[in-house]
């Protein structure tokens, strides 16, 4: 253990007396304290600039809901879509349906041929989940072999 009183009275340890009795922040010159504070402030400014929120780009998706929850707006790549009611799910994609009667007939005929060739039947698996079972391989992907 160090005896501070013995060290301060001993001429051999006289130069330690000031260091042992005065706190560290009071022993530094004022210029050093000011430069240290300036360095800390500069580091804080740099960190704020690096980790600041980035501006929204044109290809980011932005969703706005109105205050009463009845309307919405989705902007993606500079194109905005507005609507009323509930917000559409981004995981559901709409497939354009044929407009001409000939196209509708051709689509219906193709669906009937697929159903005749593949013969889909709902069957429960061992976990109790309803799944379709097909007559031919490849029907689960849309076309029989």
N, C-alpha and C. Protein backbone atom coordinates (compact mmCIF):
# COMPACT_ATOMS: atom_id res chain seq x y z
N UNK A 1 0.84 -1.18 0.00
CA UNK A 1 0.00 0.00 0.00
C UNK A 1 0.88 1.24 0.00
N UNK A 2 0.45 2.28 -0.66
CA UNK A 2 1.24 3.50 -0.78
C UNK A 2 0.81 4.48 0.30
N UNK A 3 1.78 5.01 1.01
CA UNK A 3 1.50 6.02 2.03
C UNK A 3 1.72 7.38 1.39
N UNK A 4 0.61 8.08 1.10
CA UNK A 4 0.72 9.36 0.39
C UNK A 4 1.42 10.40 1.24
N UNK A 5 1.13 10.44 2.52
CA UNK A 5 1.76 11.45 3.37
C UNK A 5 3.27 11.24 3.44
N UNK A 6 3.74 10.00 3.53
CA UNK A 6 5.17 9.74 3.59
C UNK A 6 5.82 10.15 2.27
N UNK A 7 5.11 9.88 1.15
CA UNK A 7 5.70 10.21 -0.14
C UNK A 7 5.76 11.72 -0.36
N UNK A 8 4.77 12.45 0.14
CA UNK A 8 4.79 13.89 -0.07
C UNK A 8 5.81 14.59 0.81
N UNK A 9 6.13 14.02 1.94
CA UNK A 9 7.13 14.64 2.83
C UNK A 9 8.55 14.22 2.49
N UNK A 10 8.69 13.14 1.78
CA UNK A 10 10.01 12.64 1.42
C UNK A 10 10.52 13.42 0.22
N UNK A 11 11.72 13.98 0.28
CA UNK A 11 12.23 14.75 -0.87
C UNK A 11 12.43 13.90 -2.12
N UNK A 12 12.60 12.61 -1.92
CA UNK A 12 12.79 11.75 -3.09
C UNK A 12 11.49 11.65 -3.91
N UNK A 13 10.34 11.72 -3.24
CA UNK A 13 9.06 11.61 -3.91
C UNK A 13 8.34 12.95 -4.05
N UNK A 14 9.09 14.03 -3.94
CA UNK A 14 8.48 15.36 -3.94
C UNK A 14 7.76 15.66 -5.25
N UNK A 15 8.28 15.19 -6.35
CA UNK A 15 7.63 15.47 -7.64
C UNK A 15 6.33 14.70 -7.80
N UNK A 16 6.05 13.65 -7.00
CA UNK A 16 4.79 12.91 -7.05
C UNK A 16 3.67 13.58 -6.27
N UNK A 17 4.00 14.48 -5.39
CA UNK A 17 3.00 15.07 -4.50
C UNK A 17 1.90 15.75 -5.30
N UNK A 18 2.28 16.52 -6.31
CA UNK A 18 1.27 17.22 -7.12
C UNK A 18 0.40 16.23 -7.87
N UNK A 19 0.99 15.17 -8.40
CA UNK A 19 0.24 14.18 -9.17
C UNK A 19 -0.70 13.39 -8.29
N UNK A 20 -0.36 13.16 -7.05
CA UNK A 20 -1.21 12.36 -6.19
C UNK A 20 -2.36 13.14 -5.58
N UNK A 21 -2.23 14.44 -5.44
CA UNK A 21 -3.24 15.23 -4.76
C UNK A 21 -4.20 15.96 -5.72
N UNK A 22 -3.83 16.18 -6.96
CA UNK A 22 -4.65 16.95 -7.90
C UNK A 22 -5.24 15.99 -8.93
N UNK A 23 -6.56 16.06 -9.19
CA UNK A 23 -7.17 15.18 -10.19
C UNK A 23 -6.58 15.40 -11.58
N UNK A 24 -6.74 14.39 -12.42
CA UNK A 24 -6.12 14.41 -13.74
C UNK A 24 -6.62 15.57 -14.59
N UNK A 25 -7.94 15.84 -14.56
CA UNK A 25 -8.48 16.89 -15.42
C UNK A 25 -7.99 18.27 -15.01
N UNK A 26 -7.53 18.43 -13.77
CA UNK A 26 -7.03 19.74 -13.35
C UNK A 26 -5.54 19.89 -13.65
N UNK A 27 -4.85 18.82 -13.96
CA UNK A 27 -3.42 18.90 -14.25
C UNK A 27 -3.15 19.21 -15.71
N UNK A 28 -4.13 19.08 -16.59
CA UNK A 28 -3.90 19.31 -18.01
C UNK A 28 -3.96 20.80 -18.33
N UNK A 29 -3.16 21.23 -19.28
CA UNK A 29 -3.25 22.63 -19.71
C UNK A 29 -4.58 22.88 -20.41
N UNK A 30 -5.06 24.10 -20.38
CA UNK A 30 -6.34 24.47 -20.97
C UNK A 30 -6.37 24.18 -22.46
N UNK A 31 -5.28 24.37 -23.15
CA UNK A 31 -5.23 24.11 -24.59
C UNK A 31 -5.48 22.63 -24.87
N UNK A 32 -4.92 21.75 -24.07
CA UNK A 32 -5.13 20.32 -24.26
C UNK A 32 -6.59 19.95 -24.04
N UNK A 33 -7.22 20.53 -23.03
CA UNK A 33 -8.63 20.24 -22.76
C UNK A 33 -9.49 20.72 -23.93
N UNK A 34 -9.22 21.92 -24.43
CA UNK A 34 -10.00 22.48 -25.55
C UNK A 34 -9.82 21.62 -26.81
N UNK A 35 -8.58 21.23 -27.10
CA UNK A 35 -8.33 20.39 -28.28
C UNK A 35 -9.00 19.02 -28.15
N UNK A 36 -9.00 18.46 -26.95
CA UNK A 36 -9.66 17.17 -26.73
C UNK A 36 -11.17 17.30 -26.96
N UNK A 37 -11.77 18.34 -26.41
CA UNK A 37 -13.21 18.57 -26.62
C UNK A 37 -13.52 18.82 -28.09
N UNK A 38 -12.68 19.54 -28.80
CA UNK A 38 -12.89 19.77 -30.22
C UNK A 38 -12.81 18.47 -31.01
N UNK A 39 -11.88 17.60 -30.62
CA UNK A 39 -11.77 16.30 -31.28
C UNK A 39 -13.03 15.45 -31.04
N UNK A 40 -13.54 15.48 -29.81
CA UNK A 40 -14.76 14.73 -29.50
C UNK A 40 -15.94 15.26 -30.30
N UNK A 41 -16.08 16.57 -30.40
CA UNK A 41 -17.17 17.17 -31.17
C UNK A 41 -17.03 16.82 -32.65
N UNK A 42 -15.83 16.88 -33.18
CA UNK A 42 -15.61 16.54 -34.59
C UNK A 42 -15.95 15.07 -34.85
N UNK A 43 -15.56 14.18 -33.94
CA UNK A 43 -15.89 12.77 -34.10
C UNK A 43 -17.41 12.56 -34.06
N UNK A 44 -18.10 13.29 -33.19
CA UNK A 44 -19.56 13.16 -33.11
C UNK A 44 -20.22 13.63 -34.40
N UNK A 45 -19.72 14.71 -34.98
CA UNK A 45 -20.27 15.22 -36.24
C UNK A 45 -20.05 14.22 -37.37
N UNK A 46 -18.87 13.63 -37.43
CA UNK A 46 -18.58 12.64 -38.47
C UNK A 46 -19.47 11.42 -38.31
N UNK A 47 -19.65 10.94 -37.09
CA UNK A 47 -20.51 9.78 -36.86
C UNK A 47 -21.96 10.08 -37.21
N UNK A 48 -22.42 11.29 -36.91
CA UNK A 48 -23.79 11.67 -37.28
C UNK A 48 -23.95 11.73 -38.80
N UNK A 49 -22.93 12.19 -39.49
CA UNK A 49 -23.01 12.27 -40.95
C UNK A 49 -22.98 10.88 -41.58
N UNK A 50 -22.22 9.96 -40.99
CA UNK A 50 -22.12 8.62 -41.55
C UNK A 50 -23.39 7.82 -41.31
N UNK A 51 -23.96 7.94 -40.11
CA UNK A 51 -25.12 7.13 -39.76
C UNK A 51 -26.45 7.88 -39.88
N UNK A 52 -26.46 9.00 -40.58
CA UNK A 52 -27.70 9.76 -40.78
C UNK A 52 -28.62 8.99 -41.71
N UNK A 53 -29.95 9.17 -41.58
CA UNK A 53 -30.87 8.49 -42.49
C UNK A 53 -30.63 8.93 -43.94
N UNK A 54 -30.67 7.96 -44.83
CA UNK A 54 -30.42 8.24 -46.24
C UNK A 54 -31.69 8.77 -46.90
N UNK A 55 -31.58 9.63 -47.90
CA UNK A 55 -32.77 10.11 -48.60
C UNK A 55 -33.42 9.00 -49.41
N UNK A 56 -34.70 9.13 -49.62
CA UNK A 56 -35.46 8.13 -50.36
C UNK A 56 -35.12 8.24 -51.84
N UNK A 57 -34.86 7.10 -52.48
CA UNK A 57 -34.53 7.09 -53.90
C UNK A 57 -35.80 6.83 -54.71
N UNK A 58 -35.70 7.00 -56.00
CA UNK A 58 -36.87 6.86 -56.85
C UNK A 58 -37.37 5.42 -56.91
N UNK A 59 -36.50 4.44 -56.73
CA UNK A 59 -36.94 3.05 -56.84
C UNK A 59 -37.33 2.44 -55.51
N UNK A 60 -37.34 3.22 -54.43
CA UNK A 60 -37.80 2.72 -53.14
C UNK A 60 -39.32 2.69 -53.11
N UNK A 61 -39.87 1.75 -52.37
CA UNK A 61 -41.33 1.64 -52.24
C UNK A 61 -41.76 2.47 -51.05
N UNK A 62 -42.72 3.35 -51.27
CA UNK A 62 -43.25 4.17 -50.20
C UNK A 62 -44.75 3.92 -50.12
N UNK A 63 -45.25 3.71 -48.92
CA UNK A 63 -46.67 3.47 -48.71
C UNK A 63 -47.20 4.55 -47.78
N UNK A 64 -48.27 5.20 -48.18
CA UNK A 64 -48.90 6.22 -47.36
C UNK A 64 -50.33 5.80 -47.08
N UNK A 65 -50.72 5.84 -45.83
CA UNK A 65 -52.09 5.57 -45.46
C UNK A 65 -52.73 6.87 -44.99
N UNK A 66 -53.98 7.07 -45.30
CA UNK A 66 -54.65 8.27 -44.84
C UNK A 66 -54.97 8.15 -43.36
N UNK A 67 -55.34 9.24 -42.78
CA UNK A 67 -55.60 9.26 -41.34
C UNK A 67 -56.77 8.39 -40.92
N UNK A 68 -57.79 8.30 -41.73
CA UNK A 68 -58.96 7.50 -41.34
C UNK A 68 -58.85 6.05 -41.78
N UNK A 69 -57.81 5.67 -42.49
CA UNK A 69 -57.58 4.29 -42.88
C UNK A 69 -58.39 3.84 -44.08
N UNK A 70 -59.07 4.75 -44.77
CA UNK A 70 -59.91 4.32 -45.89
C UNK A 70 -59.19 4.41 -47.23
N UNK A 71 -58.08 5.10 -47.32
CA UNK A 71 -57.37 5.23 -48.59
C UNK A 71 -55.90 4.94 -48.42
N UNK A 72 -55.22 4.64 -49.53
CA UNK A 72 -53.80 4.33 -49.49
C UNK A 72 -53.15 4.78 -50.78
N UNK A 73 -51.84 4.84 -50.76
CA UNK A 73 -51.04 5.20 -51.92
C UNK A 73 -49.72 4.43 -51.84
N UNK A 74 -49.34 3.77 -52.93
CA UNK A 74 -48.07 3.04 -53.00
C UNK A 74 -47.28 3.60 -54.16
N UNK A 75 -46.04 4.04 -53.88
CA UNK A 75 -45.17 4.59 -54.92
C UNK A 75 -43.96 3.68 -55.07
N UNK A 76 -43.66 3.29 -56.30
CA UNK A 76 -42.52 2.41 -56.57
C UNK A 76 -41.88 2.87 -57.86
N UNK A 77 -40.64 3.29 -57.78
CA UNK A 77 -39.92 3.72 -58.98
C UNK A 77 -40.53 4.95 -59.64
N UNK A 78 -41.12 5.82 -58.85
CA UNK A 78 -41.71 7.04 -59.39
C UNK A 78 -43.13 6.86 -59.89
N UNK A 79 -43.67 5.64 -59.85
CA UNK A 79 -45.04 5.37 -60.28
C UNK A 79 -45.87 5.17 -59.03
N UNK A 80 -46.95 5.94 -58.88
CA UNK A 80 -47.80 5.85 -57.70
C UNK A 80 -49.16 5.27 -58.07
N UNK A 81 -49.69 4.46 -57.17
CA UNK A 81 -51.01 3.86 -57.34
C UNK A 81 -51.82 4.22 -56.10
N UNK A 82 -53.05 4.70 -56.31
CA UNK A 82 -53.91 5.07 -55.20
C UNK A 82 -55.10 4.15 -55.15
N UNK A 83 -55.66 3.97 -53.99
CA UNK A 83 -56.84 3.13 -53.87
C UNK A 83 -57.56 3.39 -52.57
N UNK A 84 -58.75 2.83 -52.45
CA UNK A 84 -59.55 2.93 -51.24
C UNK A 84 -59.70 1.55 -50.64
N UNK A 85 -60.03 1.51 -49.37
CA UNK A 85 -60.21 0.24 -48.70
C UNK A 85 -58.91 -0.28 -48.13
N UNK A 86 -58.81 -1.60 -48.05
CA UNK A 86 -57.61 -2.20 -47.45
C UNK A 86 -56.44 -2.16 -48.44
N UNK A 87 -55.25 -2.17 -47.89
CA UNK A 87 -54.03 -2.12 -48.69
C UNK A 87 -53.83 -3.46 -49.39
N UNK A 88 -53.51 -3.45 -50.69
CA UNK A 88 -53.33 -4.72 -51.39
C UNK A 88 -52.07 -5.43 -50.91
N UNK A 89 -52.08 -6.75 -50.97
CA UNK A 89 -50.93 -7.53 -50.55
C UNK A 89 -49.87 -7.49 -51.66
N UNK A 90 -48.60 -7.23 -51.32
CA UNK A 90 -47.56 -7.22 -52.35
C UNK A 90 -47.23 -8.61 -52.86
N UNK A 91 -47.70 -9.66 -52.17
CA UNK A 91 -47.41 -11.02 -52.58
C UNK A 91 -48.42 -11.58 -53.57
N UNK A 92 -49.51 -10.86 -53.80
CA UNK A 92 -50.53 -11.29 -54.75
C UNK A 92 -50.35 -10.50 -56.04
N UNK A 93 -50.13 -11.22 -57.10
CA UNK A 93 -49.94 -10.57 -58.40
C UNK A 93 -51.15 -10.87 -59.28
N UNK A 94 -51.67 -9.86 -59.90
CA UNK A 94 -52.84 -10.07 -60.75
C UNK A 94 -52.38 -10.46 -62.15
N UNK A 95 -53.06 -11.43 -62.72
CA UNK A 95 -52.75 -11.89 -64.07
C UNK A 95 -53.77 -11.28 -65.01
N UNK A 96 -53.33 -10.63 -66.05
CA UNK A 96 -54.30 -10.03 -66.97
C UNK A 96 -55.14 -11.11 -67.65
N UNK A 97 -56.43 -10.92 -67.64
CA UNK A 97 -57.35 -11.86 -68.24
C UNK A 97 -57.58 -11.49 -69.71
N UNK A 98 -57.86 -12.48 -70.56
CA UNK A 98 -58.11 -12.17 -71.97
C UNK A 98 -59.38 -11.34 -72.13
N UNK A 99 -59.34 -10.43 -73.09
CA UNK A 99 -60.48 -9.54 -73.31
C UNK A 99 -61.36 -10.00 -74.48
N UNK A 100 -60.75 -10.57 -75.50
CA UNK A 100 -61.54 -11.01 -76.66
C UNK A 100 -62.18 -12.37 -76.36
N UNK A 101 -63.35 -12.60 -76.97
CA UNK A 101 -64.08 -13.85 -76.75
C UNK A 101 -63.30 -15.05 -77.29
N UNK A 102 -62.59 -14.89 -78.41
CA UNK A 102 -61.79 -16.00 -78.95
C UNK A 102 -60.70 -16.40 -77.97
N UNK A 103 -60.07 -15.42 -77.35
CA UNK A 103 -59.02 -15.72 -76.37
C UNK A 103 -59.59 -16.41 -75.14
N UNK A 104 -60.78 -15.98 -74.70
CA UNK A 104 -61.42 -16.62 -73.55
C UNK A 104 -61.78 -18.07 -73.86
N UNK A 105 -62.28 -18.31 -75.08
CA UNK A 105 -62.62 -19.68 -75.48
C UNK A 105 -61.38 -20.57 -75.56
N UNK A 106 -60.30 -20.03 -76.11
CA UNK A 106 -59.05 -20.79 -76.22
C UNK A 106 -58.50 -21.13 -74.83
N UNK A 107 -58.57 -20.18 -73.91
CA UNK A 107 -58.09 -20.42 -72.55
C UNK A 107 -58.93 -21.48 -71.85
N UNK A 108 -60.27 -21.40 -72.01
CA UNK A 108 -61.15 -22.39 -71.40
C UNK A 108 -60.90 -23.79 -71.98
N UNK A 109 -60.69 -23.87 -73.31
CA UNK A 109 -60.41 -25.17 -73.94
C UNK A 109 -59.09 -25.74 -73.43
N UNK A 110 -58.08 -24.90 -73.28
CA UNK A 110 -56.78 -25.35 -72.78
C UNK A 110 -56.91 -25.85 -71.34
N UNK A 111 -57.71 -25.16 -70.51
CA UNK A 111 -57.93 -25.60 -69.13
C UNK A 111 -58.68 -26.94 -69.08
N UNK A 112 -59.66 -27.12 -69.97
CA UNK A 112 -60.39 -28.38 -70.01
C UNK A 112 -59.48 -29.54 -70.43
N UNK A 113 -58.61 -29.30 -71.42
CA UNK A 113 -57.67 -30.34 -71.85
C UNK A 113 -56.71 -30.71 -70.73
N UNK A 114 -56.23 -29.71 -69.99
CA UNK A 114 -55.32 -29.98 -68.88
C UNK A 114 -56.03 -30.80 -67.81
N UNK A 115 -57.26 -30.41 -67.46
CA UNK A 115 -58.01 -31.14 -66.43
C UNK A 115 -58.30 -32.58 -66.87
N UNK A 116 -58.55 -32.79 -68.17
CA UNK A 116 -58.81 -34.14 -68.67
C UNK A 116 -57.53 -34.98 -68.64
N UNK A 117 -56.41 -34.38 -69.00
CA UNK A 117 -55.14 -35.12 -69.04
C UNK A 117 -54.59 -35.38 -67.64
N UNK A 118 -54.72 -34.42 -66.75
CA UNK A 118 -54.08 -34.53 -65.44
C UNK A 118 -54.99 -35.11 -64.37
N UNK A 119 -56.29 -34.95 -64.50
CA UNK A 119 -57.28 -35.49 -63.56
C UNK A 119 -56.92 -35.14 -62.10
N UNK A 120 -56.95 -33.84 -61.73
CA UNK A 120 -56.59 -33.46 -60.37
C UNK A 120 -57.66 -33.89 -59.36
N UNK A 121 -57.22 -34.49 -58.26
CA UNK A 121 -58.12 -34.93 -57.19
C UNK A 121 -57.57 -34.45 -55.86
N UNK A 122 -58.40 -33.79 -55.04
CA UNK A 122 -57.92 -33.38 -53.71
C UNK A 122 -57.83 -34.57 -52.78
N UNK A 123 -56.69 -34.74 -52.13
CA UNK A 123 -56.43 -35.85 -51.22
C UNK A 123 -55.75 -35.29 -49.98
N UNK A 124 -56.13 -35.82 -48.82
CA UNK A 124 -55.46 -35.39 -47.58
C UNK A 124 -54.15 -36.15 -47.42
N UNK A 125 -53.09 -35.40 -47.07
CA UNK A 125 -51.81 -36.07 -46.83
C UNK A 125 -51.77 -36.57 -45.38
N UNK A 126 -50.63 -37.08 -44.93
CA UNK A 126 -50.55 -37.67 -43.60
C UNK A 126 -50.66 -36.63 -42.48
N UNK A 127 -50.53 -35.35 -42.83
CA UNK A 127 -50.67 -34.29 -41.84
C UNK A 127 -52.08 -33.69 -41.84
N UNK A 128 -52.95 -34.18 -42.72
CA UNK A 128 -54.32 -33.69 -42.79
C UNK A 128 -54.50 -32.49 -43.69
N UNK A 129 -53.48 -32.14 -44.48
CA UNK A 129 -53.55 -31.00 -45.38
C UNK A 129 -54.08 -31.48 -46.73
N UNK A 130 -55.05 -30.72 -47.27
CA UNK A 130 -55.60 -31.08 -48.59
C UNK A 130 -54.60 -30.70 -49.67
N UNK A 131 -54.23 -31.67 -50.49
CA UNK A 131 -53.32 -31.45 -51.61
C UNK A 131 -53.91 -32.11 -52.85
N UNK A 132 -53.50 -31.63 -54.01
CA UNK A 132 -53.97 -32.24 -55.25
C UNK A 132 -53.06 -33.38 -55.65
N UNK A 133 -53.67 -34.44 -56.14
CA UNK A 133 -52.93 -35.58 -56.66
C UNK A 133 -53.28 -35.67 -58.15
N UNK A 134 -52.25 -35.84 -58.99
CA UNK A 134 -52.44 -35.81 -60.44
C UNK A 134 -52.20 -37.19 -61.04
N UNK A 135 -52.80 -37.40 -62.21
CA UNK A 135 -52.68 -38.69 -62.90
C UNK A 135 -51.33 -38.83 -63.58
N UNK A 136 -50.72 -37.74 -63.98
CA UNK A 136 -49.44 -37.78 -64.69
C UNK A 136 -48.42 -36.91 -63.98
N UNK A 137 -47.16 -37.25 -64.16
CA UNK A 137 -46.07 -36.44 -63.61
C UNK A 137 -45.94 -35.14 -64.41
N UNK A 138 -45.62 -34.07 -63.76
CA UNK A 138 -45.45 -32.78 -64.41
C UNK A 138 -46.70 -31.91 -64.37
N UNK A 139 -47.83 -32.49 -64.00
CA UNK A 139 -49.07 -31.70 -63.94
C UNK A 139 -49.02 -30.68 -62.83
N UNK A 140 -48.29 -30.96 -61.75
CA UNK A 140 -48.19 -29.98 -60.68
C UNK A 140 -47.45 -28.72 -61.10
N UNK A 141 -46.74 -28.80 -62.23
CA UNK A 141 -46.04 -27.64 -62.76
C UNK A 141 -46.77 -27.00 -63.93
N UNK A 142 -47.94 -27.53 -64.31
CA UNK A 142 -48.75 -26.88 -65.32
C UNK A 142 -48.91 -27.64 -66.62
N UNK A 143 -48.04 -28.60 -66.91
CA UNK A 143 -48.19 -29.33 -68.16
C UNK A 143 -47.76 -30.78 -67.96
N UNK A 144 -48.55 -31.73 -68.45
CA UNK A 144 -48.15 -33.13 -68.32
C UNK A 144 -47.00 -33.45 -69.26
N UNK A 145 -46.30 -34.54 -68.94
CA UNK A 145 -45.15 -34.93 -69.77
C UNK A 145 -45.58 -35.31 -71.17
